[in-house]
Amino acid sequence: MEFNIEMYENLNQTEKHNIFLKELEIYLKDETDILANFSNLAAFISVFFENLNWSGFYLYKENELVLGPFCGFPATTRIAVNKGVCGAAFTKQEAIVVASVCDFPGHIACDIRSKSEVVIPLINKGKIYGVLDIDSSIHSRFTDKDVEILEKALELLYRYSDLDKLLVGKKI
């Protein structure tokens, strides 16, 4: 497959979101390797959403969140499930949008450029596998609409990928 982001430059946000989901599904539906699908999802998010400096996954392994596929600068490799935004989203099992990371108690700084963050837990069929973590260098970057689109992208990932092949996760 050949990918050309220039095709999407002059679209409004709604059009871009729709194409993001359609293109993502094309990439996910015929791939059986879970890590390839996680990697492509991280890349799609990085390309289609503006003003991001990091997008990727932390996967639940041996009672902690371990760095998975991502796009961006090097990151913290292990996070306790009760630490930072990632740990809070994992523990609460709900998406967390942080307008200003400096205001989040215990925020884990990986990239000093990060000003805001959204973390969405990976929950499928009664099991939590980790979190999707996205950072921006702009305060208040993430909206409820972003969360909605990202959750739809995760639903595609779940549809086309067997998360149990990751050998991670925790029954909830």
N, C-alpha and C. Protein backbone atom coordinates (compact mmCIF):
# COMPACT_ATOMS: atom_id res chain seq x y z
N MET A 1 0.84 -1.19 0.00
CA MET A 1 0.00 0.00 0.00
C MET A 1 0.88 1.24 0.00
N GLU A 2 0.43 2.21 -0.70
CA GLU A 2 1.15 3.47 -0.76
C GLU A 2 0.34 4.53 -0.03
N PHE A 3 0.98 5.24 0.88
CA PHE A 3 0.30 6.25 1.68
C PHE A 3 0.80 7.63 1.28
N ASN A 4 -0.14 8.56 1.04
CA ASN A 4 0.22 9.92 0.65
C ASN A 4 -0.60 10.90 1.48
N ILE A 5 -0.03 11.45 2.51
CA ILE A 5 -0.74 12.37 3.41
C ILE A 5 -1.15 13.66 2.71
N GLU A 6 -0.46 14.04 1.66
CA GLU A 6 -0.79 15.28 0.95
C GLU A 6 -2.21 15.27 0.40
N MET A 7 -2.78 14.09 0.19
CA MET A 7 -4.15 13.98 -0.31
C MET A 7 -5.17 14.54 0.68
N TYR A 8 -4.79 14.66 1.93
CA TYR A 8 -5.73 15.01 2.98
C TYR A 8 -5.52 16.42 3.55
N GLU A 9 -4.61 17.17 2.96
CA GLU A 9 -4.23 18.46 3.55
C GLU A 9 -5.32 19.51 3.55
N ASN A 10 -6.19 19.54 2.55
CA ASN A 10 -7.18 20.61 2.45
C ASN A 10 -8.57 20.19 2.89
N LEU A 11 -8.66 19.19 3.72
CA LEU A 11 -9.95 18.72 4.20
C LEU A 11 -10.30 19.36 5.54
N ASN A 12 -11.61 19.50 5.78
CA ASN A 12 -12.00 19.99 7.09
C ASN A 12 -11.86 18.86 8.11
N GLN A 13 -12.02 19.17 9.37
CA GLN A 13 -11.75 18.21 10.43
C GLN A 13 -12.66 16.97 10.34
N THR A 14 -13.94 17.17 10.04
CA THR A 14 -14.87 16.04 9.93
C THR A 14 -14.46 15.12 8.79
N GLU A 15 -14.13 15.70 7.64
CA GLU A 15 -13.69 14.89 6.50
C GLU A 15 -12.41 14.14 6.84
N LYS A 16 -11.50 14.82 7.51
CA LYS A 16 -10.23 14.19 7.88
C LYS A 16 -10.46 13.02 8.85
N HIS A 17 -11.35 13.20 9.81
CA HIS A 17 -11.65 12.12 10.76
C HIS A 17 -12.25 10.92 10.04
N ASN A 18 -13.18 11.17 9.11
CA ASN A 18 -13.81 10.08 8.37
C ASN A 18 -12.79 9.31 7.54
N ILE A 19 -11.92 10.02 6.87
CA ILE A 19 -10.90 9.37 6.05
C ILE A 19 -9.89 8.65 6.94
N PHE A 20 -9.55 9.24 8.08
CA PHE A 20 -8.66 8.59 9.04
C PHE A 20 -9.19 7.19 9.38
N LEU A 21 -10.48 7.10 9.71
CA LEU A 21 -11.05 5.82 10.10
C LEU A 21 -11.13 4.84 8.92
N LYS A 22 -11.48 5.36 7.74
CA LYS A 22 -11.56 4.49 6.54
C LYS A 22 -10.18 3.97 6.15
N GLU A 23 -9.20 4.84 6.12
CA GLU A 23 -7.84 4.42 5.76
C GLU A 23 -7.26 3.47 6.80
N LEU A 24 -7.50 3.77 8.06
CA LEU A 24 -7.01 2.90 9.13
C LEU A 24 -7.59 1.49 8.96
N GLU A 25 -8.89 1.40 8.68
CA GLU A 25 -9.51 0.09 8.51
C GLU A 25 -8.88 -0.69 7.36
N ILE A 26 -8.55 -0.01 6.27
CA ILE A 26 -7.88 -0.68 5.14
C ILE A 26 -6.57 -1.31 5.59
N TYR A 27 -5.82 -0.59 6.41
CA TYR A 27 -4.54 -1.10 6.88
C TYR A 27 -4.69 -2.22 7.91
N LEU A 28 -5.71 -2.15 8.74
CA LEU A 28 -5.87 -3.13 9.81
C LEU A 28 -6.54 -4.43 9.36
N LYS A 29 -7.48 -4.34 8.44
CA LYS A 29 -8.35 -5.49 8.15
C LYS A 29 -7.64 -6.69 7.55
N ASP A 30 -6.56 -6.50 6.84
CA ASP A 30 -5.88 -7.62 6.20
C ASP A 30 -4.60 -8.03 6.91
N GLU A 31 -4.30 -7.41 8.04
CA GLU A 31 -3.07 -7.73 8.77
C GLU A 31 -3.42 -8.55 10.00
N THR A 32 -2.73 -9.65 10.18
CA THR A 32 -3.00 -10.50 11.34
C THR A 32 -2.02 -10.28 12.48
N ASP A 33 -0.91 -9.62 12.23
CA ASP A 33 0.07 -9.40 13.29
C ASP A 33 -0.36 -8.22 14.16
N ILE A 34 -0.57 -8.49 15.43
CA ILE A 34 -1.06 -7.48 16.36
C ILE A 34 -0.10 -6.31 16.52
N LEU A 35 1.20 -6.57 16.58
CA LEU A 35 2.16 -5.47 16.74
C LEU A 35 2.20 -4.59 15.50
N ALA A 36 2.03 -5.18 14.34
CA ALA A 36 1.96 -4.37 13.11
C ALA A 36 0.74 -3.45 13.17
N ASN A 37 -0.39 -3.96 13.65
CA ASN A 37 -1.59 -3.14 13.74
C ASN A 37 -1.46 -2.04 14.79
N PHE A 38 -0.86 -2.36 15.93
CA PHE A 38 -0.61 -1.32 16.93
C PHE A 38 0.31 -0.24 16.36
N SER A 39 1.34 -0.66 15.65
CA SER A 39 2.30 0.29 15.07
C SER A 39 1.64 1.19 14.05
N ASN A 40 0.83 0.62 13.17
CA ASN A 40 0.15 1.44 12.17
C ASN A 40 -0.85 2.39 12.81
N LEU A 41 -1.53 1.95 13.85
CA LEU A 41 -2.47 2.86 14.52
C LEU A 41 -1.72 4.04 15.14
N ALA A 42 -0.61 3.78 15.79
CA ALA A 42 0.19 4.88 16.36
C ALA A 42 0.63 5.85 15.26
N ALA A 43 1.04 5.31 14.12
CA ALA A 43 1.48 6.15 13.00
C ALA A 43 0.31 6.95 12.42
N PHE A 44 -0.84 6.30 12.24
CA PHE A 44 -2.02 7.00 11.71
C PHE A 44 -2.41 8.17 12.60
N ILE A 45 -2.41 7.94 13.91
CA ILE A 45 -2.74 9.02 14.85
C ILE A 45 -1.74 10.15 14.70
N SER A 46 -0.48 9.82 14.63
CA SER A 46 0.57 10.82 14.51
C SER A 46 0.43 11.66 13.25
N VAL A 47 -0.02 11.03 12.18
CA VAL A 47 -0.14 11.71 10.88
C VAL A 47 -1.44 12.50 10.76
N PHE A 48 -2.55 11.94 11.20
CA PHE A 48 -3.85 12.56 10.96
C PHE A 48 -4.26 13.61 11.99
N PHE A 49 -3.74 13.52 13.20
CA PHE A 49 -4.10 14.50 14.22
C PHE A 49 -2.99 15.55 14.29
N GLU A 50 -3.38 16.80 14.24
CA GLU A 50 -2.39 17.89 14.23
C GLU A 50 -1.87 18.19 15.63
N ASN A 51 -0.68 18.75 15.65
CA ASN A 51 -0.06 19.25 16.88
C ASN A 51 0.16 18.18 17.94
N LEU A 52 0.65 17.03 17.51
CA LEU A 52 1.01 15.98 18.45
C LEU A 52 2.52 15.84 18.47
N ASN A 53 3.06 15.44 19.61
CA ASN A 53 4.48 15.13 19.65
C ASN A 53 4.76 13.69 20.10
N TRP A 54 3.68 12.95 20.45
CA TRP A 54 3.87 11.55 20.82
C TRP A 54 2.53 10.83 20.74
N SER A 55 2.53 9.64 20.16
CA SER A 55 1.34 8.78 20.19
C SER A 55 1.81 7.35 20.27
N GLY A 56 1.22 6.60 21.18
CA GLY A 56 1.63 5.22 21.29
C GLY A 56 0.91 4.49 22.41
N PHE A 57 1.44 3.33 22.71
CA PHE A 57 0.77 2.41 23.62
C PHE A 57 1.67 2.01 24.78
N TYR A 58 1.02 1.81 25.92
CA TYR A 58 1.63 1.14 27.06
C TYR A 58 0.77 -0.09 27.32
N LEU A 59 1.41 -1.25 27.36
CA LEU A 59 0.70 -2.52 27.50
C LEU A 59 0.91 -3.10 28.88
N TYR A 60 -0.15 -3.66 29.43
CA TYR A 60 -0.12 -4.21 30.78
C TYR A 60 0.60 -5.55 30.78
N LYS A 61 1.73 -5.60 31.49
CA LYS A 61 2.53 -6.81 31.62
C LYS A 61 3.08 -6.87 33.04
N GLU A 62 2.92 -8.02 33.67
CA GLU A 62 3.53 -8.25 34.98
C GLU A 62 3.26 -7.10 35.97
N ASN A 63 2.02 -6.68 36.04
CA ASN A 63 1.56 -5.67 37.00
C ASN A 63 2.09 -4.27 36.78
N GLU A 64 2.48 -3.96 35.55
CA GLU A 64 2.87 -2.58 35.22
C GLU A 64 2.57 -2.33 33.74
N LEU A 65 2.65 -1.07 33.35
CA LEU A 65 2.46 -0.68 31.95
C LEU A 65 3.84 -0.58 31.30
N VAL A 66 4.01 -1.32 30.20
CA VAL A 66 5.29 -1.39 29.51
C VAL A 66 5.15 -0.75 28.13
N LEU A 67 6.12 0.05 27.76
CA LEU A 67 6.11 0.74 26.48
C LEU A 67 5.90 -0.22 25.32
N GLY A 68 4.97 0.14 24.44
CA GLY A 68 4.69 -0.63 23.23
C GLY A 68 4.98 0.23 22.01
N PRO A 69 4.41 -0.14 20.86
CA PRO A 69 4.64 0.63 19.64
C PRO A 69 4.25 2.10 19.81
N PHE A 70 5.07 3.01 19.25
CA PHE A 70 4.80 4.44 19.39
C PHE A 70 5.46 5.23 18.27
N CYS A 71 5.06 6.49 18.14
CA CYS A 71 5.70 7.46 17.26
C CYS A 71 6.07 8.66 18.11
N GLY A 72 7.33 9.05 18.08
CA GLY A 72 7.78 10.19 18.87
C GLY A 72 9.15 9.96 19.46
N PHE A 73 9.53 10.86 20.36
CA PHE A 73 10.80 10.75 21.05
C PHE A 73 10.81 9.53 21.98
N PRO A 74 11.98 9.06 22.39
CA PRO A 74 12.04 7.97 23.36
C PRO A 74 11.21 8.30 24.59
N ALA A 75 10.68 7.24 25.22
CA ALA A 75 9.73 7.45 26.31
C ALA A 75 10.08 6.56 27.50
N THR A 76 9.45 6.86 28.62
CA THR A 76 9.55 6.03 29.81
C THR A 76 9.13 4.61 29.42
N THR A 77 9.91 3.62 29.81
CA THR A 77 9.61 2.26 29.38
C THR A 77 8.65 1.51 30.29
N ARG A 78 8.59 1.87 31.57
CA ARG A 78 7.70 1.17 32.50
C ARG A 78 7.02 2.19 33.41
N ILE A 79 5.70 2.00 33.58
CA ILE A 79 4.91 2.89 34.43
C ILE A 79 4.09 2.04 35.38
N ALA A 80 4.16 2.35 36.66
CA ALA A 80 3.32 1.65 37.64
C ALA A 80 1.86 1.99 37.35
N VAL A 81 0.98 1.02 37.58
CA VAL A 81 -0.44 1.23 37.23
C VAL A 81 -1.12 2.30 38.08
N ASN A 82 -0.47 2.80 39.09
CA ASN A 82 -1.06 3.87 39.89
C ASN A 82 -0.29 5.18 39.74
N LYS A 83 0.52 5.31 38.69
CA LYS A 83 1.34 6.52 38.50
C LYS A 83 0.99 7.24 37.20
N GLY A 84 1.05 8.55 37.25
CA GLY A 84 0.88 9.37 36.07
C GLY A 84 -0.51 9.27 35.45
N VAL A 85 -0.65 9.92 34.30
CA VAL A 85 -1.93 9.92 33.59
C VAL A 85 -2.23 8.52 33.06
N CYS A 86 -1.22 7.84 32.54
CA CYS A 86 -1.42 6.48 32.02
C CYS A 86 -1.91 5.54 33.11
N GLY A 87 -1.27 5.58 34.25
CA GLY A 87 -1.68 4.73 35.36
C GLY A 87 -3.08 5.07 35.86
N ALA A 88 -3.41 6.35 35.88
CA ALA A 88 -4.74 6.77 36.34
C ALA A 88 -5.82 6.28 35.38
N ALA A 89 -5.60 6.43 34.07
CA ALA A 89 -6.59 5.97 33.08
C ALA A 89 -6.75 4.46 33.15
N PHE A 90 -5.63 3.75 33.34
CA PHE A 90 -5.68 2.29 33.46
C PHE A 90 -6.47 1.89 34.70
N THR A 91 -6.16 2.49 35.83
CA THR A 91 -6.81 2.14 37.10
C THR A 91 -8.30 2.50 37.08
N LYS A 92 -8.63 3.70 36.57
CA LYS A 92 -10.03 4.14 36.54
C LYS A 92 -10.81 3.49 35.40
N GLN A 93 -10.09 2.93 34.43
CA GLN A 93 -10.69 2.31 33.25
C GLN A 93 -11.59 3.29 32.50
N GLU A 94 -11.05 4.50 32.36
CA GLU A 94 -11.76 5.53 31.59
C GLU A 94 -10.75 6.49 30.98
N ALA A 95 -11.19 7.13 29.89
CA ALA A 95 -10.34 8.11 29.21
C ALA A 95 -10.11 9.31 30.11
N ILE A 96 -8.90 9.83 30.06
CA ILE A 96 -8.56 11.04 30.82
C ILE A 96 -7.95 12.04 29.85
N VAL A 97 -8.52 13.25 29.84
CA VAL A 97 -8.00 14.36 29.05
C VAL A 97 -7.39 15.35 30.03
N VAL A 98 -6.13 15.69 29.81
CA VAL A 98 -5.43 16.64 30.69
C VAL A 98 -5.10 17.88 29.87
N ALA A 99 -5.71 19.00 30.23
CA ALA A 99 -5.50 20.25 29.50
C ALA A 99 -4.09 20.80 29.69
N SER A 100 -3.56 20.65 30.91
CA SER A 100 -2.21 21.10 31.23
C SER A 100 -1.53 20.06 32.11
N VAL A 101 -0.54 19.39 31.56
CA VAL A 101 0.11 18.30 32.30
C VAL A 101 0.76 18.79 33.60
N CYS A 102 1.13 20.06 33.66
CA CYS A 102 1.73 20.60 34.88
C CYS A 102 0.74 20.59 36.04
N ASP A 103 -0.56 20.57 35.72
CA ASP A 103 -1.60 20.58 36.75
C ASP A 103 -2.04 19.18 37.18
N PHE A 104 -1.46 18.15 36.56
CA PHE A 104 -1.84 16.78 36.92
C PHE A 104 -0.85 16.24 37.94
N PRO A 105 -1.31 15.98 39.17
CA PRO A 105 -0.40 15.48 40.20
C PRO A 105 0.25 14.15 39.78
N GLY A 106 1.56 14.10 39.84
CA GLY A 106 2.27 12.88 39.50
C GLY A 106 2.50 12.65 38.02
N HIS A 107 2.26 13.68 37.22
CA HIS A 107 2.49 13.53 35.77
C HIS A 107 3.92 13.07 35.51
N ILE A 108 4.07 12.13 34.61
CA ILE A 108 5.39 11.61 34.24
C ILE A 108 5.82 12.31 32.96
N ALA A 109 6.86 13.12 33.05
CA ALA A 109 7.33 13.88 31.88
C ALA A 109 8.34 13.06 31.10
N CYS A 110 7.98 12.73 29.86
CA CYS A 110 8.92 12.03 28.97
C CYS A 110 9.54 13.01 27.99
N ASP A 111 8.74 13.93 27.50
CA ASP A 111 9.17 14.92 26.51
C ASP A 111 8.82 16.29 27.08
N ILE A 112 9.81 17.12 27.29
CA ILE A 112 9.56 18.43 27.92
C ILE A 112 8.65 19.32 27.08
N ARG A 113 8.44 18.98 25.81
CA ARG A 113 7.54 19.76 24.95
C ARG A 113 6.08 19.51 25.27
N SER A 114 5.77 18.42 25.93
CA SER A 114 4.37 18.05 26.17
C SER A 114 3.69 19.02 27.13
N LYS A 115 2.53 19.50 26.68
CA LYS A 115 1.73 20.43 27.49
C LYS A 115 0.37 19.85 27.85
N SER A 116 -0.18 18.99 26.98
CA SER A 116 -1.47 18.36 27.24
C SER A 116 -1.41 16.90 26.81
N GLU A 117 -2.39 16.13 27.31
CA GLU A 117 -2.32 14.68 27.09
C GLU A 117 -3.73 14.09 27.11
N VAL A 118 -3.90 13.03 26.36
CA VAL A 118 -5.11 12.21 26.44
C VAL A 118 -4.66 10.76 26.54
N VAL A 119 -5.30 10.02 27.45
CA VAL A 119 -5.00 8.61 27.64
C VAL A 119 -6.32 7.85 27.65
N ILE A 120 -6.38 6.80 26.82
CA ILE A 120 -7.59 5.99 26.70
C ILE A 120 -7.22 4.54 27.00
N PRO A 121 -7.92 3.92 27.96
CA PRO A 121 -7.61 2.52 28.26
C PRO A 121 -8.02 1.60 27.11
N LEU A 122 -7.26 0.52 26.94
CA LEU A 122 -7.55 -0.48 25.93
C LEU A 122 -8.38 -1.57 26.59
N ILE A 123 -9.69 -1.46 26.46
CA ILE A 123 -10.61 -2.41 27.09
C ILE A 123 -11.40 -3.12 26.00
N ASN A 124 -11.32 -4.45 26.02
CA ASN A 124 -12.05 -5.24 25.02
C ASN A 124 -12.47 -6.56 25.64
N LYS A 125 -13.75 -6.88 25.50
CA LYS A 125 -14.30 -8.16 25.97
C LYS A 125 -13.97 -8.43 27.44
N GLY A 126 -14.17 -7.41 28.27
CA GLY A 126 -14.00 -7.59 29.71
C GLY A 126 -12.56 -7.69 30.19
N LYS A 127 -11.63 -7.26 29.36
CA LYS A 127 -10.23 -7.33 29.74
C LYS A 127 -9.55 -6.00 29.39
N ILE A 128 -8.66 -5.54 30.26
CA ILE A 128 -7.92 -4.30 29.99
C ILE A 128 -6.48 -4.68 29.62
N TYR A 129 -6.02 -4.15 28.49
CA TYR A 129 -4.73 -4.54 27.93
C TYR A 129 -3.65 -3.48 28.10
N GLY A 130 -4.03 -2.28 28.45
CA GLY A 130 -3.07 -1.20 28.56
C GLY A 130 -3.76 0.11 28.24
N VAL A 131 -3.00 1.06 27.66
CA VAL A 131 -3.55 2.37 27.34
C VAL A 131 -2.97 2.90 26.03
N LEU A 132 -3.77 3.74 25.38
CA LEU A 132 -3.31 4.57 24.27
C LEU A 132 -2.98 5.92 24.89
N ASP A 133 -1.77 6.41 24.65
CA ASP A 133 -1.29 7.66 25.24
C ASP A 133 -0.90 8.61 24.11
N ILE A 134 -1.42 9.84 24.17
CA ILE A 134 -1.11 10.83 23.14
C ILE A 134 -0.79 12.16 23.81
N ASP A 135 0.32 12.78 23.38
CA ASP A 135 0.77 14.05 23.95
C ASP A 135 0.79 15.13 22.88
N SER A 136 0.61 16.37 23.33
CA SER A 136 0.69 17.53 22.45
C SER A 136 1.52 18.62 23.11
N SER A 137 2.15 19.43 22.28
CA SER A 137 2.92 20.57 22.79
C SER A 137 2.04 21.80 22.96
N ILE A 138 0.74 21.63 22.82
CA ILE A 138 -0.22 22.74 22.96
C ILE A 138 -1.13 22.46 24.16
N HIS A 139 -1.32 23.47 25.01
CA HIS A 139 -2.26 23.34 26.13
C HIS A 139 -3.68 23.13 25.58
N SER A 140 -4.47 22.35 26.29
CA SER A 140 -5.89 22.11 25.96
C SER A 140 -6.09 21.64 24.53
N ARG A 141 -5.18 20.82 24.03
CA ARG A 141 -5.23 20.35 22.65
C ARG A 141 -6.37 19.37 22.39
N PHE A 142 -6.74 18.54 23.36
CA PHE A 142 -7.63 17.43 23.12
C PHE A 142 -9.07 17.74 23.50
N THR A 143 -9.99 17.30 22.63
CA THR A 143 -11.42 17.56 22.81
C THR A 143 -12.17 16.24 23.00
N ASP A 144 -13.43 16.37 23.39
CA ASP A 144 -14.28 15.19 23.49
C ASP A 144 -14.42 14.51 22.13
N LYS A 145 -14.45 15.30 21.06
CA LYS A 145 -14.54 14.75 19.70
C LYS A 145 -13.29 13.92 19.39
N ASP A 146 -12.12 14.39 19.80
CA ASP A 146 -10.89 13.60 19.61
C ASP A 146 -11.01 12.25 20.31
N VAL A 147 -11.49 12.27 21.54
CA VAL A 147 -11.65 11.03 22.30
C VAL A 147 -12.62 10.10 21.56
N GLU A 148 -13.72 10.65 21.07
CA GLU A 148 -14.71 9.84 20.34
C GLU A 148 -14.08 9.17 19.11
N ILE A 149 -13.33 9.92 18.32
CA ILE A 149 -12.69 9.38 17.11
C ILE A 149 -11.63 8.35 17.49
N LEU A 150 -10.85 8.63 18.50
CA LEU A 150 -9.82 7.69 18.94
C LEU A 150 -10.44 6.39 19.46
N GLU A 151 -11.55 6.49 20.17
CA GLU A 151 -12.23 5.29 20.64
C GLU A 151 -12.76 4.46 19.46
N LYS A 152 -13.22 5.14 18.40
CA LYS A 152 -13.66 4.42 17.19
C LYS A 152 -12.46 3.73 16.53
N ALA A 153 -11.32 4.38 16.54
CA ALA A 153 -10.10 3.77 15.98
C ALA A 153 -9.73 2.53 16.79
N LEU A 154 -9.85 2.61 18.11
CA LEU A 154 -9.56 1.44 18.95
C LEU A 154 -10.55 0.31 18.69
N GLU A 155 -11.82 0.65 18.42
CA GLU A 155 -12.80 -0.38 18.08
C GLU A 155 -12.38 -1.12 16.81
N LEU A 156 -11.83 -0.40 15.84
CA LEU A 156 -11.32 -1.05 14.63
C LEU A 156 -10.15 -1.97 14.97
N LEU A 157 -9.26 -1.49 15.83
CA LEU A 157 -8.14 -2.32 16.25
C LEU A 157 -8.64 -3.61 16.89
N TYR A 158 -9.63 -3.51 17.77
CA TYR A 158 -10.17 -4.69 18.44
C TYR A 158 -10.83 -5.64 17.43
N ARG A 159 -11.53 -5.08 16.45
CA ARG A 159 -12.23 -5.90 15.47
C ARG A 159 -11.26 -6.75 14.65
N TYR A 160 -10.13 -6.17 14.29
CA TYR A 160 -9.22 -6.84 13.36
C TYR A 160 -7.99 -7.45 14.03
N SER A 161 -7.89 -7.36 15.33
CA SER A 161 -6.69 -7.85 16.01
C SER A 161 -7.08 -8.69 17.22
N ASP A 162 -6.39 -9.78 17.40
CA ASP A 162 -6.60 -10.63 18.57
C ASP A 162 -5.65 -10.15 19.67
N LEU A 163 -6.17 -9.32 20.57
CA LEU A 163 -5.33 -8.74 21.61
C LEU A 163 -4.73 -9.79 22.53
N ASP A 164 -5.35 -10.94 22.64
CA ASP A 164 -4.80 -11.99 23.50
C ASP A 164 -3.47 -12.52 22.98
N LYS A 165 -3.15 -12.26 21.71
CA LYS A 165 -1.86 -12.67 21.17
C LYS A 165 -0.72 -11.86 21.77
N LEU A 166 -1.07 -10.74 22.41
CA LEU A 166 -0.05 -9.92 23.06
C LEU A 166 0.48 -10.57 24.33
N LEU A 167 -0.27 -11.53 24.84
CA LEU A 167 0.07 -12.17 26.12
C LEU A 167 0.18 -11.15 27.24
N VAL A 168 -0.73 -10.19 27.20
CA VAL A 168 -0.81 -9.16 28.23
C VAL A 168 -2.28 -9.03 28.62
N GLY A 169 -2.53 -8.20 29.57
CA GLY A 169 -3.91 -7.89 29.92
C GLY A 169 -4.29 -8.37 31.31
N LYS A 170 -5.41 -7.88 31.75
CA LYS A 170 -5.92 -8.17 33.09
C LYS A 170 -7.43 -8.26 33.00
N LYS A 171 -7.98 -9.33 33.48
CA LYS A 171 -9.43 -9.48 33.49
C LYS A 171 -10.01 -8.45 34.46
N ILE A 172 -11.09 -7.78 34.04
CA ILE A 172 -11.68 -6.73 34.90
C ILE A 172 -13.07 -7.14 35.35
